[in-house]
Structures are given as structure tokens and as C-alpha cells.
Amino acid sequence: MGSVGTYVYLQRNPALTSFSLPAVTSIGSLQPPDLVAVLIDDNALLAGIGLPSLVSLGGPLSIQGNAVLRQCEALAFKDGLVAHGYAYSWVITGNDVAGACTP
């Protein structure tokens, strides 16, 4: 188990294709609740969200403008957090809407 007390920002990394934080279960527990806790924006080649164990997010979520990241994957990631009680705001837009996700 792992925790990131403040935030994770991945923004404007044109060569980033993936990232992996498999042991992180919580992000944002030590920050003001109005500060974005996870921001994954404008990463042209990013193909996935590498936070498979995340169940607690202590602030808003932003996943936008990632041309290769499937929109349905970003929404499924948010839905997983909601299933664990996530109640902050979120913005998920401008990702790959043509890519299909398997249920």
C-alpha cells in the first residue's frame, strides 16, 4: 500500500506513453480539498492510466486532452473512484472518443 499526500500531475508530456504507480491506493489526503488531486492533461501519446490500486482521492480529478487515451477508460477510472466514495468534482473531456473499451 502507498499514499501520495498531495497530488499527481502529468501535464504536457508529448513523449509520455505510459506511467505506472501500481502500489498507490490514496492521493491527496494532505492537501486542500479544492486543489486538483490528479491531473492528467495534454499528454499526446498517453495510452493508459497507471493507477490500478487507487481507491481514495482527496480532491478534484482532471483527465483532458489526451489524444490516445480512450475516453471510456478515463470515465471507468472515475467510476471506480466513485464506487469507493469519491465525491469531488471531475472534468474528463477531449480524450479519444473513438476508442472502444471492453466491459
Protein backbone atom coordinates (compact mmCIF):
# COMPACT_ATOMS: atom_id res chain seq x y z
CA MET A 1 0.00 0.00 0.00
CA GLY A 2 1.14 3.52 -0.73
CA SER A 3 -0.03 7.06 -0.38
CA VAL A 4 0.78 10.34 -2.10
CA GLY A 5 -0.12 13.06 0.40
CA THR A 6 -0.58 15.90 -2.06
CA TYR A 7 -1.14 15.48 -5.81
CA VAL A 8 -0.07 13.78 -9.04
CA TYR A 9 0.18 15.98 -12.13
CA LEU A 10 1.06 14.61 -15.56
CA GLN A 11 0.74 17.53 -17.94
CA ARG A 12 2.02 18.41 -21.40
CA ASN A 13 4.41 15.48 -21.77
CA PRO A 14 4.45 14.94 -25.56
CA ALA A 15 6.53 11.72 -25.39
CA LEU A 16 4.83 10.10 -22.35
CA THR A 17 3.20 6.84 -23.47
CA SER A 18 2.56 5.29 -20.05
CA PHE A 19 3.11 5.65 -16.31
CA SER A 20 2.72 3.15 -13.52
CA LEU A 21 2.11 3.67 -9.81
CA PRO A 22 0.68 0.22 -9.01
CA ALA A 23 1.01 0.40 -5.21
CA VAL A 24 -0.61 3.82 -4.73
CA THR A 25 -4.00 3.49 -3.03
CA SER A 26 -4.53 7.11 -1.90
CA ILE A 27 -3.73 10.55 -3.33
CA GLY A 28 -4.44 13.98 -1.89
CA SER A 29 -5.08 13.25 1.77
CA LEU A 30 -2.87 16.17 2.94
CA GLN A 31 -3.99 18.93 0.57
CA PRO A 32 -6.82 21.48 0.50
CA PRO A 33 -9.92 19.76 -0.93
CA ASP A 34 -10.34 22.32 -3.74
CA LEU A 35 -6.86 21.65 -5.22
CA VAL A 36 -6.89 19.15 -8.10
CA ALA A 37 -5.52 15.87 -6.71
CA VAL A 38 -4.92 14.09 -10.03
CA LEU A 39 -4.36 15.98 -13.26
CA ILE A 40 -3.66 14.02 -16.45
CA ASP A 41 -3.87 16.63 -19.20
CA ASP A 42 -2.46 17.19 -22.69
CA ASN A 43 -0.25 14.11 -22.99
CA ALA A 44 -0.41 13.38 -26.71
CA LEU A 45 0.73 9.74 -26.60
CA LEU A 46 -0.51 8.58 -23.19
CA ALA A 47 -2.44 5.34 -23.68
CA GLY A 48 -3.46 4.34 -20.15
CA ILE A 49 -3.96 5.39 -16.54
CA GLY A 50 -1.38 3.60 -14.39
CA LEU A 51 -3.13 3.79 -11.03
CA PRO A 52 -4.74 0.33 -10.74
CA SER A 53 -4.94 0.28 -6.92
CA LEU A 54 -6.19 3.84 -6.33
CA VAL A 55 -9.34 3.87 -4.17
CA SER A 56 -9.10 7.24 -2.39
CA LEU A 57 -8.72 10.66 -3.98
CA GLY A 58 -8.78 13.76 -1.75
CA GLY A 59 -9.68 16.40 -4.34
CA PRO A 60 -10.91 17.07 -7.88
CA LEU A 61 -9.89 14.95 -10.88
CA SER A 62 -8.91 16.24 -14.33
CA ILE A 63 -8.29 14.00 -17.35
CA GLN A 64 -8.38 16.06 -20.55
CA GLY A 65 -6.82 16.47 -23.96
CA ASN A 66 -5.01 13.12 -24.13
CA ALA A 67 -5.37 12.22 -27.81
CA VAL A 68 -4.63 8.48 -27.46
CA LEU A 69 -6.22 7.82 -24.06
CA ARG A 70 -9.66 6.30 -24.54
CA GLN A 71 -12.43 8.46 -23.06
CA CYS A 72 -14.23 5.34 -21.85
CA GLU A 73 -11.11 4.29 -19.89
CA ALA A 74 -10.92 7.70 -18.21
CA LEU A 75 -14.62 7.51 -17.29
CA ALA A 76 -14.22 3.95 -15.97
CA PHE A 77 -11.31 5.15 -13.81
CA LYS A 78 -13.53 7.89 -12.33
CA ASP A 79 -16.41 5.44 -11.85
CA GLY A 80 -14.10 3.14 -9.87
CA LEU A 81 -13.28 6.01 -7.53
CA VAL A 82 -16.97 6.88 -7.16
CA ALA A 83 -17.65 3.26 -6.18
CA HIS A 84 -15.22 3.82 -3.29
CA GLY A 85 -16.94 7.02 -2.12
CA TYR A 86 -15.28 9.68 -4.29
CA ALA A 87 -17.44 12.82 -4.12
CA TYR A 88 -15.30 15.65 -5.55
CA SER A 89 -15.72 17.34 -8.91
CA TRP A 90 -14.20 15.95 -12.07
CA VAL A 91 -13.51 17.00 -15.66
CA ILE A 92 -13.00 14.29 -18.27
CA THR A 93 -13.05 15.54 -21.85
CA GLY A 94 -11.05 15.78 -25.06
CA ASN A 95 -9.68 12.24 -24.93
CA ASP A 96 -10.07 9.58 -27.65
CA VAL A 97 -13.82 9.08 -28.01
CA ALA A 98 -13.47 6.61 -30.91
CA GLY A 99 -11.51 4.04 -28.91
CA ALA A 100 -13.57 1.17 -27.53
CA CYS A 101 -13.36 -0.27 -24.03
CA THR A 102 -14.24 -3.80 -23.02
CA PRO A 103 -16.67 -4.19 -20.13
